[in-house]
Amino acid sequence: MNASWPLAKLQVLPDLILLNSSSKSINLTKDEIIKISRYPGFFSTGIRIEHSVSDYQPFIVFWTFRFQAVKSALIQNRYRFS
């Protein structure tokens, strides 16, 4: 799944990541997240979230023009960023 700001919103909480778009809402607990990494694109940089929830696609990419701010929020909430 691909989601882009401002059409989608990513919320980083200490034990949960919420992604809300016009078509879908995804909630991932910290235990369900396998890996979070940078995902390069042409116009912006994405946050790739790999997870273990079989109801969702194997990974989600959240596209943002504020990559460093999102990465900082993830690290501040003790998510491992590769």
C-alpha atoms as a PDB file:
ATOM      1  CA  MET A   1       0.000   0.000   0.000  1.00  0.00           C
ATOM      2  CA  ASN A   2       1.152   3.517  -0.802  1.00  0.00           C
ATOM      3  CA  ALA A   3      -0.153   6.545   1.058  1.00  0.00           C
ATOM      4  CA  SER A   4       0.816  10.196   0.631  1.00  0.00           C
ATOM      5  CA  TRP A   5       0.459  13.257   2.766  1.00  0.00           C
ATOM      6  CA  PRO A   6      -1.868  15.267   2.654  1.00  0.00           C
ATOM      7  CA  LEU A   7      -4.274  12.544   1.437  1.00  0.00           C
ATOM      8  CA  ALA A   8      -3.151  10.278   4.255  1.00  0.00           C
ATOM      9  CA  LYS A   9      -2.112  10.934   7.835  1.00  0.00           C
ATOM     10  CA  LEU A  10       0.526   9.023   9.775  1.00  0.00           C
ATOM     11  CA  GLN A  11       0.323   9.186  13.540  1.00  0.00           C
ATOM     12  CA  VAL A  12       3.204   7.842  15.621  1.00  0.00           C
ATOM     13  CA  LEU A  13       2.391   6.837  19.192  1.00  0.00           C
ATOM     14  CA  PRO A  14       4.662   5.064  21.705  1.00  0.00           C
ATOM     15  CA  ASP A  15       3.147   1.611  21.041  1.00  0.00           C
ATOM     16  CA  LEU A  16       1.096   2.127  17.881  1.00  0.00           C
ATOM     17  CA  ILE A  17       1.376   3.557  14.387  1.00  0.00           C
ATOM     18  CA  LEU A  18      -1.870   4.730  12.781  1.00  0.00           C
ATOM     19  CA  LEU A  19      -2.198   5.383   9.076  1.00  0.00           C
ATOM     20  CA  ASN A  20      -5.445   6.866   7.845  1.00  0.00           C
ATOM     21  CA  SER A  21      -6.230   7.525   4.197  1.00  0.00           C
ATOM     22  CA  SER A  22      -9.436   8.093   2.305  1.00  0.00           C
ATOM     23  CA  SER A  23      -9.579   4.410   1.362  1.00  0.00           C
ATOM     24  CA  LYS A  24      -8.185   2.588   4.410  1.00  0.00           C
ATOM     25  CA  SER A  25      -7.144   2.815   8.049  1.00  0.00           C
ATOM     26  CA  ILE A  26      -4.244   0.728   9.299  1.00  0.00           C
ATOM     27  CA  ASN A  27      -3.221   0.277  12.927  1.00  0.00           C
ATOM     28  CA  LEU A  28       0.086  -1.429  13.680  1.00  0.00           C
ATOM     29  CA  THR A  29       1.366  -2.174  17.156  1.00  0.00           C
ATOM     30  CA  LYS A  30       5.073  -1.966  17.818  1.00  0.00           C
ATOM     31  CA  ASP A  31       5.185  -5.778  18.129  1.00  0.00           C
ATOM     32  CA  GLU A  32       3.688  -6.176  14.626  1.00  0.00           C
ATOM     33  CA  ILE A  33       6.331  -3.994  12.977  1.00  0.00           C
ATOM     34  CA  ILE A  34       9.272  -5.905  11.523  1.00  0.00           C
ATOM     35  CA  LYS A  35      11.303  -3.096   9.974  1.00  0.00           C
ATOM     36  CA  ILE A  36      11.047   0.631   9.243  1.00  0.00           C
ATOM     37  CA  SER A  37      13.319   2.116   6.594  1.00  0.00           C
ATOM     38  CA  ARG A  38      13.820   4.932   4.108  1.00  0.00           C
ATOM     39  CA  TYR A  39      12.207   4.409   0.686  1.00  0.00           C
ATOM     40  CA  PRO A  40      13.550   6.700  -2.065  1.00  0.00           C
ATOM     41  CA  GLY A  41      11.277   8.254  -4.658  1.00  0.00           C
ATOM     42  CA  PHE A  42      11.450  10.838  -7.448  1.00  0.00           C
ATOM     43  CA  PHE A  43       9.710  13.748  -5.735  1.00  0.00           C
ATOM     44  CA  SER A  44       9.722  12.790  -2.062  1.00  0.00           C
ATOM     45  CA  THR A  45      11.077  10.191   0.317  1.00  0.00           C
ATOM     46  CA  GLY A  46       8.922   7.455   1.754  1.00  0.00           C
ATOM     47  CA  ILE A  47       8.843   5.633   5.052  1.00  0.00           C
ATOM     48  CA  ARG A  48       8.611   1.890   4.371  1.00  0.00           C
ATOM     49  CA  ILE A  49       6.960  -0.090   7.171  1.00  0.00           C
ATOM     50  CA  GLU A  50       7.232  -3.877   6.990  1.00  0.00           C
ATOM     51  CA  HIS A  51       4.894  -5.729   9.339  1.00  0.00           C
ATOM     52  CA  SER A  52       3.513  -9.138  10.271  1.00  0.00           C
ATOM     53  CA  VAL A  53      -0.243  -8.472   9.903  1.00  0.00           C
ATOM     54  CA  SER A  54      -1.590 -10.856   7.250  1.00  0.00           C
ATOM     55  CA  ASP A  55      -4.718  -8.740   6.636  1.00  0.00           C
ATOM     56  CA  TYR A  56      -2.569  -5.973   5.098  1.00  0.00           C
ATOM     57  CA  GLN A  57      -0.051  -5.965   2.251  1.00  0.00           C
ATOM     58  CA  PRO A  58       3.439  -7.012   3.469  1.00  0.00           C
ATOM     59  CA  PHE A  59       4.652  -3.420   3.607  1.00  0.00           C
ATOM     60  CA  ILE A  60       3.310   0.115   3.557  1.00  0.00           C
ATOM     61  CA  VAL A  61       5.027   3.178   2.108  1.00  0.00           C
ATOM     62  CA  PHE A  62       4.078   6.566   3.513  1.00  0.00           C
ATOM     63  CA  TRP A  63       5.291   9.350   1.202  1.00  0.00           C
ATOM     64  CA  THR A  64       6.230  12.633   2.817  1.00  0.00           C
ATOM     65  CA  PHE A  65       8.130  15.842   2.099  1.00  0.00           C
ATOM     66  CA  ARG A  66       9.052  15.925   5.813  1.00  0.00           C
ATOM     67  CA  PHE A  67      11.087  12.728   5.989  1.00  0.00           C
ATOM     68  CA  GLN A  68      13.422  13.919   8.770  1.00  0.00           C
ATOM     69  CA  ALA A  69      10.508  15.015  10.985  1.00  0.00           C
ATOM     70  CA  VAL A  70       8.736  11.669  10.575  1.00  0.00           C
ATOM     71  CA  LYS A  71      11.969   9.746  11.164  1.00  0.00           C
ATOM     72  CA  SER A  72      12.630  11.808  14.321  1.00  0.00           C
ATOM     73  CA  ALA A  73       9.123  11.088  15.630  1.00  0.00           C
ATOM     74  CA  LEU A  74       9.664   7.363  15.085  1.00  0.00           C
ATOM     75  CA  ILE A  75      13.026   7.398  16.862  1.00  0.00           C
ATOM     76  CA  GLN A  76      11.669   9.503  19.758  1.00  0.00           C
ATOM     77  CA  ASN A  77       8.963   6.868  20.244  1.00  0.00           C
ATOM     78  CA  ARG A  78      11.624   4.134  20.280  1.00  0.00           C
ATOM     79  CA  TYR A  79      10.899   2.570  16.907  1.00  0.00           C
ATOM     80  CA  ARG A  80      14.005   1.090  15.294  1.00  0.00           C
ATOM     81  CA  PHE A  81      14.778   2.782  12.004  1.00  0.00           C
ATOM     82  CA  SER A  82      17.093   0.964   9.585  1.00  0.00           C
END
